């Protein structure tokens, strides 16, 4: 029988093609001794079998049950326990990075009973209810296709549950294993979402690769003022300069940063707030860059002062940053000259000819914000991605202006000259994707 699951601490000969980028990163960080939550990866083979069969994968449910029991042993908590529940995240992870194009669900395993148990076991009812509200909303949007606009971050648990029931016609699922099964299925299905297909066409990624699914013990950046979540790069992905580059949010979960729904703080400010975690993060960033010999894009969480890494991957960067990184890493002895030349994507070089503002010219500044990537853009304002796509394809230069971006805006982002948002930071998925396109 085909094996479909590997623990982060188990060797696999399949590498990235089998475990996906996120899965292989979690496994390698575990082997390096980097602080990583416990978990397991459901392979791309399982996704391909799921797509080929129309939804059934022989033996997968039993294997998930075995690895869930293993995770319970590793963490000392039981999945679905009403008193002190094990919660997990369910995250996509294709072999070729597709930032934000597929789905993630956090806090899987909570229900009406266990949320009270979580509140008692942590002594923090606000935290427990925040986790449950997030689960209901993310599960509703991802698994049941409830429109994002139906929910609000200001919803209470009761309001979120009521919206879920109104939109679906049934109550929020109370069985933790049903939640997990449906979440895994939703991540498999997100491989063929319209936004993922648009992204694959743009970067000539084959449609038959499929995605892995990572089931990871939850660590919580939303446990209070001594907890945080963030994204960092080992070098500036816009310029290639060395230095601290990243953002974080206190008392938040990871999707708050990468989804672009909130504007985070510069990573350097974490040094004053959580000096021990900050120092450990800088040390780990250097270790991972030396190990992979390339700029890394890292997601992290600090739970009550303890640092955990949730992802590392090769960072997307502008053409200027790619050239500077290649030159600098050669000088530092990380890579050889031939490899440095091979790392420069010729199709990116036209970015170096993109418009720039004349530094000697006089301008009247109307507003200022965070620049996710360098350069200048000019065009008519459009307020939705469909219009941006339509007018952009017709040859009209447009600027996509949004309150916040979501992965579903990818088709408009491709056709726009630039994008402007009211919320979000330099490390959000939209910023990462735009930077890679030279927007």
Protein backbone atom coordinates (compact mmCIF):
# COMPACT_ATOMS: atom_id res chain seq x y z
CA UNK A 1 0.00 0.00 0.00
CA UNK A 2 1.24 3.50 -0.86
CA UNK A 3 2.55 5.54 2.04
CA UNK A 4 1.00 9.00 2.09
CA UNK A 5 2.26 10.61 5.33
CA UNK A 6 5.61 11.49 6.91
CA UNK A 7 6.27 13.08 10.28
CA UNK A 8 8.53 16.13 10.38
CA UNK A 9 11.08 14.01 12.26
CA UNK A 10 11.04 11.14 9.75
CA UNK A 11 13.41 10.79 6.78
CA UNK A 12 11.96 10.78 3.27
CA UNK A 13 13.71 10.22 -0.03
CA UNK A 14 10.98 12.02 -1.96
CA UNK A 15 12.18 15.52 -1.13
CA UNK A 16 10.36 18.65 -2.24
CA UNK A 17 8.38 16.94 -5.00
CA UNK A 18 6.79 14.59 -2.45
CA UNK A 19 6.58 16.74 0.70
CA UNK A 20 6.10 20.14 -0.94
CA UNK A 21 8.10 23.24 -0.11
CA UNK A 22 6.57 23.85 3.31
CA UNK A 23 6.80 20.20 4.32
CA UNK A 24 10.44 19.76 3.32
CA UNK A 25 11.29 23.02 5.08
CA UNK A 26 9.63 21.90 8.31
CA UNK A 27 11.36 18.51 8.11
CA UNK A 28 14.80 20.01 7.47
CA UNK A 29 14.40 22.61 10.22
CA UNK A 30 13.40 19.83 12.62
CA UNK A 31 16.55 17.91 11.69
CA UNK A 32 18.66 21.07 12.19
CA UNK A 33 17.29 21.46 15.71
CA UNK A 34 15.39 24.66 14.92
CA UNK A 35 12.32 25.07 17.19
CA UNK A 36 9.44 23.76 15.04
CA UNK A 37 6.01 22.58 16.26
CA UNK A 38 5.33 18.86 15.91
CA UNK A 39 3.34 17.70 12.92
CA UNK A 40 3.16 15.64 9.75
CA UNK A 41 2.92 16.09 6.00
CA UNK A 42 0.36 14.46 3.72
CA UNK A 43 2.22 14.06 0.44
CA UNK A 44 1.55 15.34 -3.06
CA UNK A 45 0.96 11.69 -4.02
CA UNK A 46 -2.16 11.80 -1.84
CA UNK A 47 -3.37 14.97 -3.56
CA UNK A 48 -2.86 13.45 -7.01
CA UNK A 49 -4.67 10.28 -5.92
CA UNK A 50 -7.49 12.43 -4.53
CA UNK A 51 -7.86 14.32 -7.81
CA UNK A 52 -7.64 11.15 -9.91
CA UNK A 53 -10.27 9.30 -7.86
CA UNK A 54 -12.67 12.20 -7.48
CA UNK A 55 -12.31 12.37 -3.72
CA UNK A 56 -11.46 8.99 -2.18
CA UNK A 57 -7.90 7.91 -1.32
CA UNK A 58 -7.67 4.31 -0.13
CA UNK A 59 -6.04 4.01 3.27
CA UNK A 60 -5.52 7.74 3.82
CA UNK A 61 -8.05 8.14 6.65
CA UNK A 62 -6.46 5.29 8.60
CA UNK A 63 -2.98 6.72 8.09
CA UNK A 64 -4.15 10.16 9.26
CA UNK A 65 -5.56 8.50 12.38
CA UNK A 66 -2.22 6.80 13.08
CA UNK A 67 -0.26 10.03 12.72
CA UNK A 68 -2.79 11.97 14.76
CA UNK A 69 -2.25 9.47 17.59
CA UNK A 70 1.50 9.95 17.17
CA UNK A 71 1.05 13.73 17.39
CA UNK A 72 -1.00 13.30 20.56
CA UNK A 73 1.87 11.34 22.11
CA UNK A 74 4.39 14.00 21.08
CA UNK A 75 2.36 16.89 22.49
CA UNK A 76 0.72 15.29 25.52
CA UNK A 77 -2.71 16.48 24.39
CA UNK A 78 -5.65 14.71 22.76
CA UNK A 79 -7.35 15.92 19.60
CA UNK A 80 -10.98 16.70 20.45
CA UNK A 81 -10.39 16.55 24.23
CA UNK A 82 -13.04 18.77 25.88
CA UNK A 83 -10.72 19.76 28.75
CA UNK A 84 -7.30 20.51 27.19
CA UNK A 85 -7.56 19.99 23.44
CA UNK A 86 -4.79 19.54 20.90
CA UNK A 87 -5.38 22.07 18.11
CA UNK A 88 -3.77 21.93 14.68
CA UNK A 89 -3.31 24.06 11.61
CA UNK A 90 -3.95 22.60 8.16
CA UNK A 91 -1.73 24.28 5.57
CA UNK A 92 -0.99 23.81 1.89
CA UNK A 93 2.52 23.39 0.52
CA UNK A 94 3.21 22.83 -3.17
CA UNK A 95 6.62 21.83 -4.51
CA UNK A 96 6.90 25.24 -6.21
CA UNK A 97 6.06 28.17 -3.95
CA UNK A 98 2.71 29.85 -4.68
CA UNK A 99 2.36 32.45 -1.87
CA UNK A 100 -1.23 32.85 -0.71
CA UNK A 101 -2.73 31.01 -3.67
CA UNK A 102 -3.95 28.00 -1.68
CA UNK A 103 -5.71 27.61 1.63
CA UNK A 104 -4.87 27.46 5.33
CA UNK A 105 -7.13 26.76 8.31
CA UNK A 106 -6.00 27.42 11.89
CA UNK A 107 -7.23 26.19 15.29
CA UNK A 108 -8.81 23.01 13.91
CA UNK A 109 -10.23 20.86 16.72
CA UNK A 110 -12.18 23.44 18.73
CA UNK A 111 -15.92 23.18 19.36
CA UNK A 112 -18.56 24.58 21.71
CA UNK A 113 -17.38 22.34 24.56
CA UNK A 114 -13.61 22.37 24.12
CA UNK A 115 -13.43 26.16 23.82
CA UNK A 116 -14.49 26.29 27.47
CA UNK A 117 -11.86 23.67 28.31
CA UNK A 118 -9.19 25.68 26.50
CA UNK A 119 -10.22 28.78 28.44
CA UNK A 120 -9.92 26.91 31.74
CA UNK A 121 -6.63 25.16 30.93
CA UNK A 122 -4.96 28.41 29.84
CA UNK A 123 -6.75 30.72 32.26
CA UNK A 124 -7.48 32.97 29.28
CA UNK A 125 -11.08 33.02 28.06
CA UNK A 126 -10.46 35.88 25.62
CA UNK A 127 -7.71 33.88 23.91
CA UNK A 128 -9.85 30.72 23.68
CA UNK A 129 -12.82 32.57 22.20
CA UNK A 130 -10.56 34.40 19.73
CA UNK A 131 -9.23 31.04 18.50
CA UNK A 132 -12.74 29.64 18.10
CA UNK A 133 -13.99 32.73 16.27
CA UNK A 134 -11.04 32.48 13.87
CA UNK A 135 -11.71 28.79 13.24
CA UNK A 136 -15.39 29.34 12.46
CA UNK A 137 -14.55 32.15 10.04
CA UNK A 138 -11.63 30.44 8.28
CA UNK A 139 -13.46 27.12 8.08
CA UNK A 140 -16.56 28.85 6.74
CA UNK A 141 -14.67 30.76 4.07
CA UNK A 142 -12.37 27.92 3.02
CA UNK A 143 -14.45 24.77 3.43
CA UNK A 144 -17.99 26.08 2.89
CA UNK A 145 -17.24 28.96 0.47
CA UNK A 146 -18.85 31.62 2.65
CA UNK A 147 -17.90 35.05 1.23
CA UNK A 148 -15.06 36.74 3.11
CA UNK A 149 -17.18 39.87 3.48
CA UNK A 150 -19.81 37.98 5.48
CA UNK A 151 -17.54 37.91 8.52
CA UNK A 152 -15.79 40.62 10.52
CA UNK A 153 -12.82 40.53 12.89
CA UNK A 154 -15.14 42.23 15.37
CA UNK A 155 -17.59 39.32 15.36
CA UNK A 156 -18.12 37.46 18.63
CA UNK A 157 -18.11 33.67 18.65
CA UNK A 158 -21.90 33.73 18.77
CA UNK A 159 -22.11 36.13 15.81
CA UNK A 160 -19.63 34.12 13.74
CA UNK A 161 -21.50 30.90 14.50
CA UNK A 162 -24.80 32.55 13.57
CA UNK A 163 -23.39 33.76 10.26
CA UNK A 164 -22.04 30.28 9.56
CA UNK A 165 -25.43 28.70 10.26
CA UNK A 166 -27.26 31.31 8.17
CA UNK A 167 -24.93 30.86 5.18
CA UNK A 168 -24.74 27.05 5.25
CA UNK A 169 -28.10 26.03 6.68
CA UNK A 170 -26.46 23.85 9.33
CA UNK A 171 -24.49 24.24 12.54
CA UNK A 172 -20.73 24.48 12.80
CA UNK A 173 -19.29 20.92 12.91
CA UNK A 174 -18.59 19.82 16.47
CA UNK A 175 -16.62 16.65 15.69
CA UNK A 176 -12.89 17.48 15.62
CA UNK A 177 -12.05 14.67 13.21
CA UNK A 178 -14.74 15.81 10.79
CA UNK A 179 -13.24 19.30 10.92
CA UNK A 180 -9.80 17.88 10.12
CA UNK A 181 -11.03 15.68 7.29
CA UNK A 182 -12.94 18.51 5.64
CA UNK A 183 -10.05 20.95 6.12
CA UNK A 184 -7.61 18.57 4.41
CA UNK A 185 -10.06 18.08 1.54
CA UNK A 186 -10.44 21.86 1.18
CA UNK A 187 -6.68 22.31 0.90
CA UNK A 188 -6.50 19.62 -1.79
CA UNK A 189 -9.35 21.37 -3.63
CA UNK A 190 -7.60 24.75 -3.40
CA UNK A 191 -4.94 23.44 -5.80
CA UNK A 192 -7.53 23.92 -8.55
CA UNK A 193 -8.93 27.24 -7.31
CA UNK A 194 -9.16 29.95 -9.97
CA UNK A 195 -6.43 32.05 -8.31
CA UNK A 196 -4.05 29.07 -8.14
CA UNK A 197 -4.67 28.31 -11.82
CA UNK A 198 -4.00 31.94 -12.79
CA UNK A 199 -0.74 31.90 -10.82
CA UNK A 200 0.37 28.60 -12.36
CA UNK A 201 -0.28 29.88 -15.88
CA UNK A 202 1.77 32.99 -15.19
CA UNK A 203 4.78 31.01 -13.97
CA UNK A 204 4.32 27.93 -16.21
CA UNK A 205 3.83 25.60 -13.24
CA UNK A 206 2.40 22.21 -14.32
CA UNK A 207 -1.21 21.57 -13.29
CA UNK A 208 -0.60 17.95 -12.30
CA UNK A 209 1.90 18.51 -9.45
CA UNK A 210 -0.70 18.80 -6.69
CA UNK A 211 -0.11 20.15 -3.20
CA UNK A 212 1.02 18.55 0.02
CA UNK A 213 -0.92 19.25 3.23
CA UNK A 214 0.81 19.98 6.53
CA UNK A 215 -0.98 19.22 9.80
CA UNK A 216 0.88 21.13 12.51
CA UNK A 217 0.45 21.50 16.26
CA UNK A 218 -0.86 25.02 16.88
CA UNK A 219 1.45 27.49 18.58
CA UNK A 220 -0.24 30.72 19.51
CA UNK A 221 0.85 34.26 18.82
CA UNK A 222 -2.46 35.49 20.19
CA UNK A 223 -1.96 34.49 23.84
CA UNK A 224 -1.31 38.04 25.03
CA UNK A 225 1.25 40.83 24.96
CA UNK A 226 4.14 38.37 25.36
CA UNK A 227 3.13 36.58 22.15
CA UNK A 228 3.49 37.61 18.52
CA UNK A 229 3.63 36.42 14.94
CA UNK A 230 5.57 37.67 11.96
CA UNK A 231 7.40 37.23 8.69
CA UNK A 232 11.05 38.02 8.06
CA UNK A 233 13.59 37.86 5.24
CA UNK A 234 17.29 37.23 5.73
CA UNK A 235 17.99 40.13 3.33
CA UNK A 236 15.91 42.92 1.86
CA UNK A 237 13.92 41.29 -0.99
CA UNK A 238 13.55 44.65 -2.75
CA UNK A 239 17.22 45.68 -2.77
CA UNK A 240 19.23 42.65 -1.63
CA UNK A 241 20.83 44.65 1.18
CA UNK A 242 21.82 42.82 4.35
CA UNK A 243 20.01 43.77 7.53
CA UNK A 244 16.86 43.10 9.52
CA UNK A 245 13.85 43.04 7.20
CA UNK A 246 10.46 41.86 8.37
CA UNK A 247 7.27 42.65 10.25
CA UNK A 248 5.34 41.35 13.22
CA UNK A 249 2.11 41.76 15.14
CA UNK A 250 1.67 41.35 18.88
CA UNK A 251 -1.19 39.17 20.13
CA UNK A 252 -2.08 37.91 16.65
CA UNK A 253 -2.04 34.80 14.48
CA UNK A 254 -0.01 34.34 11.31
CA UNK A 255 -2.79 34.95 8.83
CA UNK A 256 -3.15 38.50 10.23
CA UNK A 257 0.28 39.32 8.79
CA UNK A 258 0.33 37.45 5.48
CA UNK A 259 -3.31 38.12 4.56
CA UNK A 260 -2.71 41.87 4.59
CA UNK A 261 -5.73 42.62 6.77
CA UNK A 262 -3.67 44.45 9.40
CA UNK A 263 -0.63 46.69 9.14
CA UNK A 264 2.21 45.19 11.20
CA UNK A 265 5.20 46.72 12.98
CA UNK A 266 8.83 46.69 11.73
CA UNK A 267 10.69 43.62 12.95
CA UNK A 268 13.47 45.71 14.52
CA UNK A 269 10.99 46.90 17.15
CA UNK A 270 10.68 43.33 18.44
CA UNK A 271 14.18 43.73 19.92
CA UNK A 272 12.84 46.06 22.59
CA UNK A 273 9.63 44.13 23.23
CA UNK A 274 10.92 40.54 23.29
CA UNK A 275 14.74 40.68 23.31
CA UNK A 276 15.37 36.98 23.93
CA UNK A 277 13.05 35.81 21.15
CA UNK A 278 14.45 38.50 18.83
CA UNK A 279 18.03 37.41 19.45
CA UNK A 280 17.15 33.76 18.87
CA UNK A 281 15.31 34.68 15.67
CA UNK A 282 18.31 36.58 14.25
CA UNK A 283 20.60 33.66 15.06
CA UNK A 284 18.22 31.20 13.39
CA UNK A 285 17.84 33.43 10.32
CA UNK A 286 21.60 33.36 9.82
CA UNK A 287 21.73 29.60 10.35
CA UNK A 288 19.02 28.96 7.75
CA UNK A 289 20.56 31.27 5.15
CA UNK A 290 23.92 29.54 5.52
CA UNK A 291 22.26 26.11 5.34
CA UNK A 292 20.27 26.87 2.18
CA UNK A 293 22.89 29.27 0.74
CA UNK A 294 20.15 31.64 -0.36
CA UNK A 295 17.89 34.38 0.96
CA UNK A 296 15.10 32.91 3.09
CA UNK A 297 11.48 33.97 3.66
CA UNK A 298 10.56 32.84 7.20
CA UNK A 299 7.30 32.72 9.15
CA UNK A 300 7.55 32.65 12.94
CA UNK A 301 5.43 32.75 16.07
CA UNK A 302 6.37 33.71 19.62
CA UNK A 303 4.14 32.04 22.22
CA UNK A 304 4.61 33.55 25.66
CA UNK A 305 8.27 34.29 24.94
CA UNK A 306 9.08 30.99 23.18
CA UNK A 307 10.08 31.19 19.49
CA UNK A 308 8.77 28.73 16.88
CA UNK A 309 9.43 28.68 13.14
CA UNK A 310 6.52 27.70 10.92
CA UNK A 311 8.08 27.98 7.47
CA UNK A 312 11.24 28.73 5.58
CA UNK A 313 11.48 29.01 1.82
CA UNK A 314 13.65 30.64 -0.82
CA UNK A 315 12.56 34.27 -0.91
CA UNK A 316 11.01 35.87 -3.96
CA UNK A 317 12.89 39.06 -4.84
CA UNK A 318 13.19 41.83 -7.38
CA UNK A 319 15.72 41.64 -10.20
CA UNK A 320 17.92 44.23 -8.47
CA UNK A 321 17.85 42.22 -5.25
CA UNK A 322 18.63 39.00 -7.13
CA UNK A 323 21.74 40.54 -8.68
CA UNK A 324 22.99 42.05 -5.43
CA UNK A 325 22.37 38.82 -3.50
CA UNK A 326 24.21 36.78 -6.10
CA UNK A 327 27.21 39.12 -6.06
CA UNK A 328 27.32 39.45 -2.27
CA UNK A 329 26.88 35.73 -1.58
CA UNK A 330 29.74 34.98 -3.98
CA UNK A 331 31.95 37.45 -2.12
CA UNK A 332 30.89 35.88 1.19
CA UNK A 333 31.85 32.41 -0.05
CA UNK A 334 28.29 31.04 0.18
CA UNK A 335 28.04 30.25 -3.54
CA UNK A 336 30.38 29.95 -6.55
CA UNK A 337 30.47 32.38 -9.48
CA UNK A 338 28.78 29.94 -11.88
CA UNK A 339 25.90 29.43 -9.45
CA UNK A 340 25.58 33.18 -8.96
CA UNK A 341 25.13 33.71 -12.70
CA UNK A 342 22.66 30.82 -12.95
CA UNK A 343 20.51 32.36 -10.20
CA UNK A 344 19.68 35.43 -12.30
CA UNK A 345 16.41 34.88 -14.15
CA UNK A 346 16.78 36.54 -17.58
CA UNK A 347 13.03 37.19 -17.75
CA UNK A 348 13.34 39.37 -14.63
CA UNK A 349 16.01 41.66 -16.05
CA UNK A 350 13.53 43.96 -17.77
CA UNK A 351 12.53 45.04 -14.24
CA UNK A 352 15.78 47.02 -14.14
CA UNK A 353 14.34 49.22 -16.90
CA UNK A 354 11.09 49.91 -15.06
CA UNK A 355 10.22 53.56 -14.34
CA UNK A 356 11.84 55.30 -11.40
CA UNK A 357 11.21 58.72 -9.94
CA UNK A 358 13.94 61.24 -10.72
CA UNK A 359 15.64 61.85 -7.36
CA UNK A 360 16.44 65.44 -8.36
CA UNK A 361 12.89 66.32 -9.42
CA UNK A 362 10.50 68.30 -7.22
CA UNK A 363 7.26 66.59 -6.24
CA UNK A 364 4.27 67.46 -4.14
CA UNK A 365 3.76 64.42 -1.92
CA UNK A 366 0.07 63.63 -1.50
CA UNK A 367 0.51 60.67 0.85
CA UNK A 368 3.11 58.22 2.09
CA UNK A 369 3.05 54.52 2.87
CA UNK A 370 5.08 51.31 2.91
CA UNK A 371 6.79 50.46 -0.36
CA UNK A 372 6.63 46.73 -0.93
CA UNK A 373 8.88 46.99 -3.99
CA UNK A 374 10.85 49.77 -5.70
CA UNK A 375 9.94 51.78 -8.77
CA UNK A 376 7.17 54.08 -9.89
CA UNK A 377 3.80 53.38 -11.48
CA UNK A 378 1.23 55.54 -13.21
CA UNK A 379 -2.32 54.76 -14.27
CA UNK A 380 -6.02 55.31 -13.72
CA UNK A 381 -7.42 54.17 -10.39
CA UNK A 382 -9.63 51.07 -10.48
CA UNK A 383 -11.25 49.64 -7.39
CA UNK A 384 -11.65 45.94 -8.17
CA UNK A 385 -9.55 43.20 -9.69
CA UNK A 386 -11.98 42.33 -12.49
CA UNK A 387 -11.92 45.89 -13.83
CA UNK A 388 -8.13 46.00 -13.52
CA UNK A 389 -7.88 42.82 -15.59
CA UNK A 390 -10.35 44.04 -18.22
CA UNK A 391 -8.78 47.47 -18.70
CA UNK A 392 -5.23 46.20 -18.39
CA UNK A 393 -5.76 43.63 -21.14
CA UNK A 394 -7.17 46.43 -23.30
CA UNK A 395 -3.86 48.27 -22.96
CA UNK A 396 -4.99 50.88 -20.45
CA UNK A 397 -2.53 51.55 -17.60
CA UNK A 398 -4.32 51.13 -14.27
CA UNK A 399 -3.53 51.19 -10.55
CA UNK A 400 -5.49 48.67 -8.48
CA UNK A 401 -6.63 50.41 -5.29
CA UNK A 402 -8.11 48.24 -2.54
CA UNK A 403 -8.90 48.44 1.16
CA UNK A 404 -6.92 45.21 1.41
CA UNK A 405 -5.84 42.60 -1.10
CA UNK A 406 -6.71 38.92 -1.08
CA UNK A 407 -5.29 36.06 -3.16
CA UNK A 408 -8.43 36.28 -5.30
CA UNK A 409 -7.12 39.61 -6.68
CA UNK A 410 -4.22 37.92 -8.49
CA UNK A 411 -5.74 38.28 -11.98
CA UNK A 412 -6.10 42.04 -11.50
CA UNK A 413 -2.66 42.40 -9.97
CA UNK A 414 -1.08 40.80 -13.04
CA UNK A 415 -2.61 43.41 -15.37
CA UNK A 416 -2.16 46.48 -13.15
CA UNK A 417 0.85 48.78 -13.25
CA UNK A 418 0.82 48.89 -9.46
CA UNK A 419 -1.31 48.25 -6.40
CA UNK A 420 -2.20 50.49 -3.46
CA UNK A 421 -3.92 49.24 -0.30
CA UNK A 422 -5.11 50.86 2.91
CA UNK A 423 -4.07 47.86 5.02
CA UNK A 424 -1.29 45.29 4.95
CA UNK A 425 2.47 45.26 5.20
CA UNK A 426 5.61 44.62 3.17
CA UNK A 427 5.61 40.90 3.97
CA UNK A 428 1.99 40.07 3.12
CA UNK A 429 1.35 37.46 0.44
CA UNK A 430 0.17 40.18 -1.95
CA UNK A 431 3.40 42.13 -1.44
CA UNK A 432 5.50 38.99 -1.95
CA UNK A 433 3.67 38.12 -5.18
CA UNK A 434 3.80 41.72 -6.47
CA UNK A 435 7.51 41.99 -5.72
CA UNK A 436 8.20 38.80 -7.63
CA UNK A 437 6.37 40.28 -10.63
CA UNK A 438 8.24 43.58 -10.36
CA UNK A 439 5.09 45.55 -9.52
